[in-house]
């Protein structure tokens, strides 16, 4: 994760961008392209970069401590997809 330009909480939690990514993942999206549009407009990231950051974030203990429900759900999905390949 890029940490040089991030705002970090005093307690060593995830930076603002990481918190924003987790918040976006907690939301539900209807229809094709809605999530990708939100990624571009709200986070200013290309979807490919977003998913790269998200994947790294799932292995970050700070993210797990910040939002264990979301991180564990996404870890399960990732593992399911890996075993299906």
Protein backbone atom coordinates (compact mmCIF):
# COMPACT_ATOMS: atom_id res chain seq x y z
CA UNK A 1 0.00 0.00 0.00
CA UNK A 2 1.10 3.52 -0.66
CA UNK A 3 1.58 5.07 2.73
CA UNK A 4 3.53 8.23 2.00
CA UNK A 5 0.53 10.30 0.97
CA UNK A 6 -1.97 8.77 3.36
CA UNK A 7 -3.52 10.26 6.45
CA UNK A 8 -3.12 7.74 9.26
CA UNK A 9 -4.97 7.55 12.52
CA UNK A 10 -2.86 8.05 15.61
CA UNK A 11 -3.46 4.43 16.64
CA UNK A 12 -1.78 2.96 13.57
CA UNK A 13 -5.05 2.14 11.83
CA UNK A 14 -5.57 2.14 8.10
CA UNK A 15 -5.13 5.40 6.19
CA UNK A 16 -7.98 7.43 4.76
CA UNK A 17 -7.82 5.78 1.33
CA UNK A 18 -7.88 2.32 2.89
CA UNK A 19 -10.87 3.27 5.06
CA UNK A 20 -12.62 4.66 1.97
CA UNK A 21 -11.99 1.41 0.07
CA UNK A 22 -13.44 -0.66 2.91
CA UNK A 23 -16.44 1.68 3.13
CA UNK A 24 -17.09 1.25 -0.59
CA UNK A 25 -16.89 -2.54 -0.20
CA UNK A 26 -19.55 -2.45 2.53
CA UNK A 27 -22.04 -0.93 0.07
CA UNK A 28 -24.18 -2.88 -2.36
CA UNK A 29 -24.41 -1.91 -6.00
CA UNK A 30 -27.15 -2.67 -8.49
CA UNK A 31 -26.57 -2.97 -12.19
CA UNK A 32 -23.46 -3.32 -14.29
CA UNK A 33 -20.82 -0.62 -14.04
CA UNK A 34 -22.27 1.14 -10.98
CA UNK A 35 -19.45 0.06 -8.67
CA UNK A 36 -16.77 0.92 -11.22
CA UNK A 37 -18.30 4.39 -11.67
CA UNK A 38 -18.29 4.90 -7.89
CA UNK A 39 -14.64 3.81 -7.74
CA UNK A 40 -13.68 6.40 -10.36
CA UNK A 41 -15.84 9.24 -9.08
CA UNK A 42 -15.51 8.81 -5.32
CA UNK A 43 -11.97 7.51 -5.01
CA UNK A 44 -10.38 8.84 -8.19
CA UNK A 45 -8.91 5.44 -8.99
CA UNK A 46 -9.01 3.22 -12.01
CA UNK A 47 -10.90 0.02 -11.15
CA UNK A 48 -7.81 -2.11 -11.83
CA UNK A 49 -5.78 -0.09 -9.33
CA UNK A 50 -8.65 -0.19 -6.84
CA UNK A 51 -8.74 -3.98 -6.93
CA UNK A 52 -4.95 -4.17 -6.56
CA UNK A 53 -5.15 -1.98 -3.45
CA UNK A 54 -8.12 -3.93 -2.11
CA UNK A 55 -6.32 -7.24 -2.51
CA UNK A 56 -3.30 -5.93 -0.60
CA UNK A 57 -5.59 -4.44 2.03
CA UNK A 58 -7.15 -7.83 2.73
CA UNK A 59 -3.77 -9.04 3.98
CA UNK A 60 -3.20 -5.98 6.20
CA UNK A 61 -3.82 -6.63 9.92
CA UNK A 62 -4.77 -2.95 10.39
CA UNK A 63 -7.66 -3.39 7.95
CA UNK A 64 -8.79 -6.53 9.77
CA UNK A 65 -8.76 -4.68 13.09
CA UNK A 66 -10.67 -1.74 11.57
CA UNK A 67 -13.42 -3.72 9.81
CA UNK A 68 -13.24 -7.44 10.56
CA UNK A 69 -16.65 -8.30 9.08
CA UNK A 70 -15.90 -6.80 5.67
CA UNK A 71 -12.30 -8.03 5.51
CA UNK A 72 -13.22 -11.59 6.51
CA UNK A 73 -16.12 -11.68 4.01
CA UNK A 74 -13.82 -10.51 1.21
CA UNK A 75 -11.10 -12.96 2.24
CA UNK A 76 -13.62 -15.82 2.00
CA UNK A 77 -14.72 -14.66 -1.46
CA UNK A 78 -11.12 -14.39 -2.61
CA UNK A 79 -10.30 -17.86 -1.33
CA UNK A 80 -13.39 -19.33 -2.99
CA UNK A 81 -12.43 -17.79 -6.32
CA UNK A 82 -8.86 -19.07 -5.99
CA UNK A 83 -9.97 -22.63 -5.34
CA UNK A 84 -12.36 -22.54 -8.31
CA UNK A 85 -9.50 -21.88 -10.73
